[in-house]
Amino acid sequence: MQDYGDLIRFWRKSRRLSQLELSFAANISSKHVSFLETGRAKPSREMIIVLSNAMDIPLSERNVLLSLAGYSEAYSRMQIEQPEMKSVRFALTSILEKHEPYPAVVLDWEWNIVMANQTHLKLTQLVAAQQPNFPQSSNILELLFDPNGFRPFVENWEEVAYVMFQRIQRERMSHSDRHSNLLDRLMEYPDIPSQWLAHNFDNQLQPMIHLVLSLGDIKLKLFSTLASFGTAVDITMQELIIEQYFPVDDSTKMFFEKQ
């Protein structure tokens, strides 16, 4: 079973810090860092916060560290529907609406669609109209990987799906408190390459991966940006991701602006 010393060491190494570098960042001695990692010294509640700030540890992981050291959790996880999150809902709604006429969604940490603007809903409906067995899922990656979802319409599906697959892998390794079988669920879909971890796409001439959708005579080419709350002290707020899609070419831009 992992203890607080193991977790401090894990985060220090994941941030590529030496004990001396962490000691400078946290304003403590390197000897104390060593004692904390080996369990010879127990961190105070305040020390855990100091170390977490120095290593930029996510709020949910700070709660894990606090619990392992015998302290109560310090960070809440509110539901987006709670009254205390009214201002957050207002901000998210404003961002989604102002991104019209282009698609935008709000995702939780497991890639479930929490909110979406009208353009994204219409685009999903357009695909669903051509898929009689369109999946009843709110998970954006399940919709991408499912042959009855967006997959047949994504020209560069393997490239896009591979990038998302790798991101999920990194997230699973970085967040010890998140227990999700999403990766396993995605691997159960047909024709998923088993050697994706060793695969390398030759994408050196492009600054990013584009999403290319072919819907009959319509071809849409998009790229996306990800944004999050910068001063969140609630776990739900910190984990929410706003994904906004932008047109790559004029024909894609014209398609959305005419809708």
Protein backbone atom coordinates (compact mmCIF):
# COMPACT_ATOMS: atom_id res chain seq x y z
CA MET A 1 0.00 0.00 0.00
CA GLN A 2 1.33 3.44 -0.92
CA ASP A 3 2.19 5.83 1.95
CA TYR A 4 2.69 9.57 2.01
CA GLY A 5 6.47 9.25 1.57
CA ASP A 6 6.10 7.18 -1.58
CA LEU A 7 3.62 9.70 -3.00
CA ILE A 8 5.87 12.68 -2.24
CA ARG A 9 8.73 10.87 -3.98
CA PHE A 10 6.48 9.99 -6.93
CA TRP A 11 5.45 13.59 -7.48
CA ARG A 12 8.99 14.91 -7.04
CA LYS A 13 10.30 12.51 -9.67
CA SER A 14 7.36 13.15 -12.00
CA ARG A 15 8.23 16.86 -11.83
CA ARG A 16 11.88 15.94 -12.49
CA LEU A 17 13.10 17.60 -9.30
CA SER A 18 15.99 16.51 -7.15
CA GLN A 19 15.56 16.56 -3.39
CA LEU A 20 17.74 19.66 -3.31
CA GLU A 21 15.63 21.43 -5.96
CA LEU A 22 12.42 20.61 -4.09
CA SER A 23 13.94 21.84 -0.84
CA PHE A 24 14.71 25.20 -2.46
CA ALA A 25 11.21 25.46 -3.92
CA ALA A 26 9.56 24.59 -0.59
CA ASN A 27 12.06 26.53 1.55
CA ILE A 28 13.00 23.51 3.66
CA SER A 29 16.18 21.46 3.97
CA SER A 30 16.96 18.65 1.55
CA LYS A 31 17.50 16.44 4.62
CA HIS A 32 13.89 17.08 5.65
CA VAL A 33 12.69 16.17 2.15
CA SER A 34 14.62 12.90 2.43
CA PHE A 35 13.13 12.18 5.87
CA LEU A 36 9.62 12.85 4.56
CA GLU A 37 10.09 10.49 1.61
CA THR A 38 11.45 7.67 3.77
CA GLY A 39 8.83 8.13 6.47
CA ARG A 40 11.34 9.14 9.13
CA ALA A 41 9.46 12.44 9.48
CA LYS A 42 5.72 13.02 9.26
CA PRO A 43 4.63 16.13 7.38
CA SER A 44 2.32 18.62 9.03
CA ARG A 45 -0.86 19.58 7.23
CA GLU A 46 0.76 22.90 6.33
CA MET A 47 3.87 21.14 5.00
CA ILE A 48 1.75 19.03 2.64
CA ILE A 49 0.19 22.20 1.24
CA VAL A 50 3.65 23.79 0.84
CA LEU A 51 5.03 20.73 -0.98
CA SER A 52 1.90 20.48 -3.12
CA ASN A 53 2.23 24.11 -4.17
CA ALA A 54 5.94 23.64 -4.91
CA MET A 55 5.23 20.64 -7.14
CA ASP A 56 1.92 21.93 -8.57
CA ILE A 57 0.09 18.79 -7.47
CA PRO A 58 -3.58 18.61 -8.62
CA LEU A 59 -6.17 19.26 -5.91
CA SER A 60 -7.56 15.73 -5.99
CA GLU A 61 -4.06 14.32 -5.47
CA ARG A 62 -3.48 16.69 -2.56
CA ASN A 63 -6.49 15.16 -0.85
CA VAL A 64 -4.93 11.72 -1.33
CA LEU A 65 -1.66 12.91 0.19
CA LEU A 66 -3.46 14.48 3.13
CA SER A 67 -5.43 11.29 3.77
CA LEU A 68 -2.30 9.13 3.67
CA ALA A 69 -0.69 11.42 6.24
CA GLY A 70 -3.72 11.09 8.51
CA TYR A 71 -5.41 14.43 7.83
CA SER A 72 -8.87 15.31 6.57
CA GLU A 73 -9.28 16.33 2.94
CA ALA A 74 -8.91 20.04 2.27
CA TYR A 75 -10.50 20.41 -1.16
CA SER A 76 -14.18 20.03 -2.05
CA ARG A 77 -15.70 18.29 -5.05
CA MET A 78 -18.98 20.05 -5.77
CA GLN A 79 -21.46 19.07 -8.43
CA ILE A 80 -21.88 21.56 -11.26
CA GLU A 81 -25.61 21.80 -10.43
CA GLN A 82 -25.04 22.96 -6.83
CA PRO A 83 -26.02 26.54 -5.94
CA GLU A 84 -22.41 27.34 -5.02
CA MET A 85 -21.43 26.67 -8.65
CA LYS A 86 -23.89 29.17 -10.13
CA SER A 87 -21.15 31.59 -11.19
CA VAL A 88 -19.20 28.70 -12.73
CA ARG A 89 -22.22 27.62 -14.78
CA PHE A 90 -22.69 31.22 -15.90
CA ALA A 91 -19.06 31.46 -17.01
CA LEU A 92 -19.20 28.16 -18.89
CA THR A 93 -22.48 29.04 -20.60
CA SER A 94 -21.07 32.41 -21.67
CA ILE A 95 -17.95 30.80 -23.14
CA LEU A 96 -19.97 28.20 -25.05
CA GLU A 97 -22.44 30.71 -26.43
CA LYS A 98 -19.80 33.23 -27.45
CA HIS A 99 -17.93 30.55 -29.39
CA GLU A 100 -20.88 30.17 -31.76
CA PRO A 101 -21.12 29.45 -34.66
CA TYR A 102 -18.34 26.93 -33.97
CA PRO A 103 -18.62 23.81 -31.77
CA ALA A 104 -17.60 23.85 -28.10
CA VAL A 105 -18.06 21.49 -25.16
CA VAL A 106 -17.25 21.27 -21.47
CA LEU A 107 -15.75 17.93 -20.39
CA ASP A 108 -15.16 16.36 -16.99
CA TRP A 109 -12.01 14.42 -16.10
CA GLU A 110 -13.38 11.20 -17.64
CA TRP A 111 -14.22 12.90 -20.95
CA ASN A 112 -17.97 13.04 -20.34
CA ILE A 113 -19.74 15.97 -21.99
CA VAL A 114 -21.04 18.17 -19.17
CA MET A 115 -22.25 21.04 -21.36
CA ALA A 116 -22.30 21.77 -25.10
CA ASN A 117 -23.25 24.70 -27.28
CA GLN A 118 -25.94 24.52 -29.95
CA THR A 119 -23.49 24.05 -32.81
CA HIS A 120 -21.98 20.97 -31.23
CA LEU A 121 -25.44 19.55 -30.56
CA LYS A 122 -26.46 20.14 -34.20
CA LEU A 123 -23.27 18.53 -35.49
CA THR A 124 -23.89 15.48 -33.29
CA GLN A 125 -27.48 15.30 -34.53
CA LEU A 126 -26.24 15.47 -38.14
CA VAL A 127 -24.03 12.43 -37.57
CA ALA A 128 -26.68 10.60 -35.54
CA ALA A 129 -29.17 11.02 -38.39
CA GLN A 130 -26.86 8.94 -40.59
CA GLN A 131 -26.20 6.30 -37.92
CA PRO A 132 -29.30 4.21 -37.06
CA ASN A 133 -27.53 2.70 -34.03
CA PHE A 134 -25.92 5.89 -32.79
CA PRO A 135 -24.63 5.23 -29.23
CA GLN A 136 -26.52 6.68 -26.29
CA SER A 137 -23.38 7.94 -24.62
CA SER A 138 -22.30 11.34 -23.33
CA ASN A 139 -18.64 10.34 -23.40
CA ILE A 140 -16.87 12.15 -26.22
CA LEU A 141 -14.25 9.41 -26.65
CA GLU A 142 -16.81 6.62 -26.76
CA LEU A 143 -18.58 8.57 -29.50
CA LEU A 144 -15.27 8.84 -31.34
CA PHE A 145 -14.24 5.18 -31.00
CA ASP A 146 -17.65 3.56 -31.54
CA PRO A 147 -18.20 2.39 -35.17
CA ASN A 148 -21.82 3.49 -34.75
CA GLY A 149 -20.73 6.96 -33.67
CA PHE A 150 -18.38 9.49 -35.27
CA ARG A 151 -15.72 6.98 -36.27
CA PRO A 152 -16.83 6.27 -39.89
CA PHE A 153 -16.99 10.00 -40.57
CA VAL A 154 -13.49 10.87 -39.32
CA GLU A 155 -11.13 10.60 -42.31
CA ASN A 156 -8.03 10.53 -40.12
CA TRP A 157 -9.65 8.49 -37.37
CA GLU A 158 -6.60 6.36 -36.51
CA GLU A 159 -4.40 9.42 -36.16
CA VAL A 160 -6.89 11.31 -33.96
CA ALA A 161 -7.78 8.27 -31.87
CA TYR A 162 -4.12 7.42 -31.32
CA VAL A 163 -3.40 10.88 -29.93
CA MET A 164 -6.39 10.63 -27.57
CA PHE A 165 -5.37 7.12 -26.54
CA GLN A 166 -1.92 8.35 -25.52
CA ARG A 167 -3.39 11.25 -23.56
CA ILE A 168 -5.60 8.90 -21.56
CA GLN A 169 -2.56 6.77 -20.81
CA ARG A 170 -0.68 9.79 -19.46
CA GLU A 171 -3.65 10.89 -17.38
CA ARG A 172 -4.06 7.45 -15.84
CA MET A 173 -0.39 7.39 -14.85
CA SER A 174 -0.50 10.90 -13.40
CA HIS A 175 -3.64 10.65 -11.28
CA SER A 176 -3.50 7.87 -8.71
CA ASP A 177 -6.91 8.72 -7.22
CA ARG A 178 -8.82 8.42 -10.49
CA HIS A 179 -10.29 4.98 -10.93
CA SER A 180 -11.67 4.63 -14.43
CA ASN A 181 -12.05 1.78 -16.90
CA LEU A 182 -12.41 4.18 -19.85
CA LEU A 183 -9.23 2.98 -21.52
CA ASP A 184 -10.33 -0.64 -21.20
CA ARG A 185 -13.75 0.23 -22.63
CA LEU A 186 -12.18 1.93 -25.63
CA MET A 187 -9.89 -1.03 -26.28
CA GLU A 188 -12.96 -3.29 -26.55
CA TYR A 189 -14.13 -1.56 -29.72
CA PRO A 190 -13.29 -3.46 -32.94
CA ASP A 191 -10.08 -2.92 -34.92
CA ILE A 192 -8.20 -0.99 -32.25
CA PRO A 193 -4.43 -1.36 -33.00
CA SER A 194 -2.77 -3.32 -30.21
CA GLN A 195 0.63 -1.69 -30.69
CA TRP A 196 -0.39 1.95 -30.42
CA LEU A 197 2.10 2.64 -27.63
CA ALA A 198 4.96 1.95 -30.06
CA HIS A 199 3.33 3.68 -33.02
CA ASN A 200 4.58 7.00 -34.32
CA PHE A 201 2.73 9.09 -36.89
CA ASP A 202 4.81 11.18 -39.26
CA ASN A 203 3.26 14.54 -38.44
CA GLN A 204 6.36 16.72 -38.51
CA LEU A 205 4.96 19.13 -41.11
CA GLN A 206 1.87 20.01 -39.08
CA PRO A 207 1.77 21.99 -35.84
CA MET A 208 -1.15 19.92 -34.52
CA ILE A 209 -3.52 17.08 -35.35
CA HIS A 210 -6.62 18.18 -37.25
CA LEU A 211 -10.03 16.52 -37.01
CA VAL A 212 -11.27 15.86 -40.56
CA LEU A 213 -14.98 15.03 -40.80
CA SER A 214 -16.58 13.81 -44.04
CA LEU A 215 -20.36 14.06 -44.05
CA GLY A 216 -21.48 13.20 -47.55
CA ASP A 217 -20.43 16.10 -49.77
CA ILE A 218 -19.40 18.12 -46.74
CA LYS A 219 -15.82 17.99 -45.50
CA LEU A 220 -15.00 19.79 -42.27
CA LYS A 221 -11.46 20.37 -41.04
CA LEU A 222 -11.10 21.50 -37.44
CA PHE A 223 -8.58 21.94 -34.67
CA SER A 224 -9.36 22.38 -31.00
CA THR A 225 -8.07 24.29 -27.99
CA LEU A 226 -8.39 23.29 -24.34
CA ALA A 227 -8.96 25.72 -21.48
CA SER A 228 -9.49 25.38 -17.74
CA PHE A 229 -10.10 27.51 -14.65
CA GLY A 230 -6.89 29.14 -13.49
CA THR A 231 -7.73 29.78 -9.82
CA ALA A 232 -9.86 26.78 -8.92
CA VAL A 233 -9.86 25.53 -5.31
CA ASP A 234 -12.58 22.97 -5.96
CA ILE A 235 -11.68 19.65 -7.58
CA THR A 236 -14.61 19.67 -10.01
CA MET A 237 -13.68 23.15 -11.19
CA GLN A 238 -10.02 22.24 -11.63
CA GLU A 239 -10.87 19.11 -13.62
CA LEU A 240 -13.35 20.73 -16.03
CA ILE A 241 -11.96 21.25 -19.52
CA ILE A 242 -13.45 23.58 -22.13
CA GLU A 243 -12.78 22.31 -25.64
CA GLN A 244 -13.40 24.78 -28.46
CA TYR A 245 -13.20 23.84 -32.13
CA PHE A 246 -11.99 26.22 -34.84
CA PRO A 247 -12.10 25.94 -38.65
CA VAL A 248 -8.84 25.17 -40.43
CA ASP A 249 -9.93 26.31 -43.89
CA ASP A 250 -12.40 28.72 -45.50
CA SER A 251 -14.86 26.03 -46.59
CA THR A 252 -15.22 24.78 -43.00
CA LYS A 253 -15.61 28.34 -41.76
CA MET A 254 -18.34 29.05 -44.33
CA PHE A 255 -20.21 25.85 -43.42
CA PHE A 256 -20.60 26.85 -39.79
CA GLU A 257 -21.28 30.52 -40.47
CA LYS A 258 -24.17 29.60 -42.78
CA GLN A 259 -25.86 27.37 -40.21
